[in-house]
C-alpha atoms as a PDB file:
ATOM      1  CA  GLY A   1     -16.537  95.606  32.336  1.00  0.00           C
ATOM      2  CA  ALA A   2     -17.776  97.315  29.248  1.00  0.00           C
ATOM      3  CA  ALA A   3     -18.590  96.635  25.669  1.00  0.00           C
ATOM      4  CA  ARG A   4     -16.581  98.899  23.453  1.00  0.00           C
ATOM      5  CA  GLY A   5     -14.790  99.207  20.214  1.00  0.00           C
ATOM      6  CA  VAL A   6     -16.920  98.835  17.144  1.00  0.00           C
ATOM      7  CA  TRP A   7     -15.215  99.687  13.898  1.00  0.00           C
ATOM      8  CA  GLY A   8     -17.470 100.354  10.944  1.00  0.00           C
ATOM      9  CA  GLY A   9     -16.945 102.275   7.756  1.00  0.00           C
ATOM     10  CA  SER A  10     -18.226 102.795   4.257  1.00  0.00           C
ATOM     11  CA  VAL A  11     -18.651 100.169   1.599  1.00  0.00           C
ATOM     12  CA  GLN A  12     -20.321  99.731  -1.751  1.00  0.00           C
ATOM     13  CA  PRO A  13     -23.410  97.566  -2.159  1.00  0.00           C
ATOM     14  CA  GLY A  14     -22.447  93.920  -2.215  1.00  0.00           C
ATOM     15  CA  GLY A  15     -19.378  94.560  -0.131  1.00  0.00           C
ATOM     16  CA  SER A  16     -18.425  93.260   3.298  1.00  0.00           C
ATOM     17  CA  LEU A  17     -17.462  94.683   6.653  1.00  0.00           C
ATOM     18  CA  ARG A  18     -16.522  93.120   9.946  1.00  0.00           C
ATOM     19  CA  LEU A  19     -17.463  94.828  13.152  1.00  0.00           C
ATOM     20  CA  SER A  20     -15.589  94.043  16.334  1.00  0.00           C
ATOM     21  CA  CYS A  21     -16.644  94.437  19.924  1.00  0.00           C
ATOM     22  CA  ALA A  22     -14.201  94.126  22.797  1.00  0.00           C
ATOM     23  CA  ALA A  23     -15.822  93.460  26.133  1.00  0.00           C
ATOM     24  CA  SER A  24     -14.009  92.928  29.368  1.00  0.00           C
ATOM     25  CA  GLY A  25     -15.419  90.365  31.704  1.00  0.00           C
ATOM     26  CA  PHE A  26     -16.510  87.843  29.141  1.00  0.00           C
ATOM     27  CA  THR A  27     -14.898  85.106  31.164  1.00  0.00           C
ATOM     28  CA  SER A  28     -16.396  86.226  34.420  1.00  0.00           C
ATOM     29  CA  GLY A  29     -20.056  86.737  34.111  1.00  0.00           C
ATOM     30  CA  TYR A  30     -21.329  87.962  30.803  1.00  0.00           C
ATOM     31  CA  THR A  31     -23.385  85.277  29.178  1.00  0.00           C
ATOM     32  CA  GLY A  32     -23.818  86.670  25.715  1.00  0.00           C
ATOM     33  CA  LEU A  33     -23.645  89.631  23.411  1.00  0.00           C
ATOM     34  CA  ALA A  34     -25.967  91.199  20.920  1.00  0.00           C
ATOM     35  CA  TRP A  35     -25.626  93.555  17.993  1.00  0.00           C
ATOM     36  CA  PHE A  36     -28.179  96.230  17.274  1.00  0.00           C
ATOM     37  CA  ARG A  37     -28.467  98.956  14.697  1.00  0.00           C
ATOM     38  CA  ARG A  38     -30.364 102.164  14.296  1.00  0.00           C
ATOM     39  CA  ALA A  39     -31.066 103.609  10.895  1.00  0.00           C
ATOM     40  CA  PRO A  40     -32.127 107.228  10.456  1.00  0.00           C
ATOM     41  CA  GLY A  41     -35.771 107.652  11.339  1.00  0.00           C
ATOM     42  CA  LYS A  42     -36.161 104.072  12.490  1.00  0.00           C
ATOM     43  CA  GLU A  43     -36.313 102.220  15.774  1.00  0.00           C
ATOM     44  CA  ARG A  44     -33.325 100.343  17.099  1.00  0.00           C
ATOM     45  CA  GLU A  45     -33.300  96.888  15.575  1.00  0.00           C
ATOM     46  CA  GLY A  46     -31.828  93.615  16.743  1.00  0.00           C
ATOM     47  CA  VAL A  47     -29.267  92.301  14.271  1.00  0.00           C
ATOM     48  CA  SER A  48     -27.621  89.313  15.895  1.00  0.00           C
ATOM     49  CA  CYS A  49     -27.122  87.688  19.272  1.00  0.00           C
ATOM     50  CA  MET A  50     -25.030  84.926  20.791  1.00  0.00           C
ATOM     51  CA  HIS A  51     -25.288  82.873  23.959  1.00  0.00           C
ATOM     52  CA  PHE A  52     -21.759  82.099  25.131  1.00  0.00           C
ATOM     53  CA  SER A  53     -22.749  78.995  27.065  1.00  0.00           C
ATOM     54  CA  ASP A  54     -23.526  76.939  24.011  1.00  0.00           C
ATOM     55  CA  GLY A  55     -22.560  79.179  21.130  1.00  0.00           C
ATOM     56  CA  SER A  56     -26.131  79.438  19.925  1.00  0.00           C
ATOM     57  CA  THR A  57     -26.753  82.339  17.592  1.00  0.00           C
ATOM     58  CA  TYR A  58     -29.789  84.303  16.565  1.00  0.00           C
ATOM     59  CA  TYR A  59     -30.385  86.789  13.792  1.00  0.00           C
ATOM     60  CA  GLY A  60     -32.877  89.443  12.943  1.00  0.00           C
ATOM     61  CA  ASP A  61     -34.734  88.915   9.696  1.00  0.00           C
ATOM     62  CA  SER A  62     -32.649  91.506   7.886  1.00  0.00           C
ATOM     63  CA  ALA A  63     -29.413  89.769   8.829  1.00  0.00           C
ATOM     64  CA  LYS A  64     -30.262  86.153   8.150  1.00  0.00           C
ATOM     65  CA  GLY A  65     -28.092  84.573   5.501  1.00  0.00           C
ATOM     66  CA  ARG A  66     -25.774  87.580   5.229  1.00  0.00           C
ATOM     67  CA  PHE A  67     -24.396  88.320   8.692  1.00  0.00           C
ATOM     68  CA  THR A  68     -22.499  86.042  11.052  1.00  0.00           C
ATOM     69  CA  ILE A  69     -21.791  86.597  14.723  1.00  0.00           C
ATOM     70  CA  SER A  70     -18.785  84.894  16.243  1.00  0.00           C
ATOM     71  CA  LYS A  71     -16.587  85.009  19.319  1.00  0.00           C
ATOM     72  CA  ALA A  72     -12.831  84.689  19.361  1.00  0.00           C
ATOM     73  CA  ALA A  73     -11.846  81.674  21.447  1.00  0.00           C
ATOM     74  CA  ASP A  74      -8.821  83.296  23.004  1.00  0.00           C
ATOM     75  CA  LYS A  75      -9.871  86.908  23.121  1.00  0.00           C
ATOM     76  CA  ASN A  76     -12.641  88.907  24.637  1.00  0.00           C
ATOM     77  CA  MET A  77     -13.788  89.850  21.182  1.00  0.00           C
ATOM     78  CA  VAL A  78     -17.063  89.292  19.403  1.00  0.00           C
ATOM     79  CA  TYR A  79     -17.369  89.902  15.706  1.00  0.00           C
ATOM     80  CA  LEU A  80     -20.158  90.619  13.278  1.00  0.00           C
ATOM     81  CA  GLN A  81     -19.233  89.662   9.757  1.00  0.00           C
ATOM     82  CA  MET A  82     -21.523  91.433   7.326  1.00  0.00           C
ATOM     83  CA  ASN A  83     -21.596  90.257   3.722  1.00  0.00           C
ATOM     84  CA  ASN A  84     -23.594  91.311   0.684  1.00  0.00           C
ATOM     85  CA  LEU A  85     -24.299  94.645   2.283  1.00  0.00           C
ATOM     86  CA  LYS A  86     -27.216  96.665   0.994  1.00  0.00           C
ATOM     87  CA  PRO A  87     -27.977 100.381   1.211  1.00  0.00           C
ATOM     88  CA  GLU A  88     -30.712  99.572   3.733  1.00  0.00           C
ATOM     89  CA  ASP A  89     -28.030  98.239   6.065  1.00  0.00           C
ATOM     90  CA  THR A  90     -26.832 101.802   6.518  1.00  0.00           C
ATOM     91  CA  ALA A  91     -27.137 102.530  10.236  1.00  0.00           C
ATOM     92  CA  VAL A  92     -25.270 103.098  13.449  1.00  0.00           C
ATOM     93  CA  TYR A  93     -24.329  99.701  14.862  1.00  0.00           C
ATOM     94  CA  TYR A  94     -23.942  98.931  18.549  1.00  0.00           C
ATOM     95  CA  CYS A  95     -22.840  95.951  20.557  1.00  0.00           C
ATOM     96  CA  ALA A  96     -24.476  95.353  23.907  1.00  0.00           C
ATOM     97  CA  THR A  97     -24.428  92.903  26.746  1.00  0.00           C
ATOM     98  CA  ASN A  98     -26.035  92.433  30.108  1.00  0.00           C
ATOM     99  CA  LEU A  99     -25.038  91.767  33.676  1.00  0.00           C
ATOM    100  CA  THR A 100     -27.642  89.031  33.911  1.00  0.00           C
ATOM    101  CA  PRO A 101     -28.445  86.231  31.478  1.00  0.00           C
ATOM    102  CA  PHE A 102     -30.704  87.281  28.684  1.00  0.00           C
ATOM    103  CA  PRO A 103     -32.615  85.306  26.076  1.00  0.00           C
ATOM    104  CA  CYS A 104     -31.467  86.108  22.570  1.00  0.00           C
ATOM    105  CA  GLN A 105     -34.876  85.126  21.246  1.00  0.00           C
ATOM    106  CA  VAL A 106     -36.385  88.034  23.162  1.00  0.00           C
ATOM    107  CA  VAL A 107     -33.544  90.459  22.634  1.00  0.00           C
ATOM    108  CA  MET A 108     -33.822  90.097  18.871  1.00  0.00           C
ATOM    109  CA  GLY A 109     -37.526  90.879  18.989  1.00  0.00           C
ATOM    110  CA  PRO A 110     -39.230  94.282  18.951  1.00  0.00           C
ATOM    111  CA  GLY A 111     -37.987  96.450  21.775  1.00  0.00           C
ATOM    112  CA  GLY A 112     -35.493  93.810  22.823  1.00  0.00           C
ATOM    113  CA  HIS A 113     -32.768  96.370  23.288  1.00  0.00           C
ATOM    114  CA  VAL A 114     -34.554  97.881  26.263  1.00  0.00           C
ATOM    115  CA  GLY A 115     -33.280  95.283  28.692  1.00  0.00           C
ATOM    116  CA  MET A 116     -29.617  95.538  27.749  1.00  0.00           C
ATOM    117  CA  ASP A 117     -27.422  97.153  30.396  1.00  0.00           C
ATOM    118  CA  ILE A 118     -24.052  97.733  28.803  1.00  0.00           C
ATOM    119  CA  TRP A 119     -23.616  99.365  25.415  1.00  0.00           C
ATOM    120  CA  GLY A 120     -20.645  99.905  23.215  1.00  0.00           C
ATOM    121  CA  LYS A 121     -20.004 103.106  21.428  1.00  0.00           C
ATOM    122  CA  GLY A 122     -21.930 103.010  18.185  1.00  0.00           C
ATOM    123  CA  THR A 123     -20.251 103.099  14.835  1.00  0.00           C
ATOM    124  CA  GLN A 124     -21.552 104.258  11.511  1.00  0.00           C
ATOM    125  CA  VAL A 125     -21.871 101.776   8.665  1.00  0.00           C
ATOM    126  CA  THR A 126     -22.665 103.342   5.313  1.00  0.00           C
ATOM    127  CA  VAL A 127     -23.506 101.316   2.235  1.00  0.00           C
ATOM    128  CA  SER A 128     -23.678 103.363  -0.921  1.00  0.00           C
ATOM    129  CA  SER A 129     -22.367 103.464  -4.430  1.00  0.00           C
END
């Protein structure tokens, strides 16, 4: 399976975007999915993460209160709803998952992306007026 399909775009400050990630194999092994982003000149940053077993969700500090991760009940799709976007949210966004269970608490921390095995193709999100 693979994580793929992230559709970003451009939006003005205060606007919203929804990113989508289609991953095969969600029903047969993957235990969660995380979103990361990489802004120019910065390290890759954990944005949001979900454990599929119990639906628990985790967010990086920059995403709390503005972004929401969710999983479609009948589709192998995970979404990242981004509201009240700011210019500092401008980055390439990636979805990622792992062949083995992973703790979102760790994945959302510094360097948490290192342990992720399967990455979607990144998509550019640009927030500007």
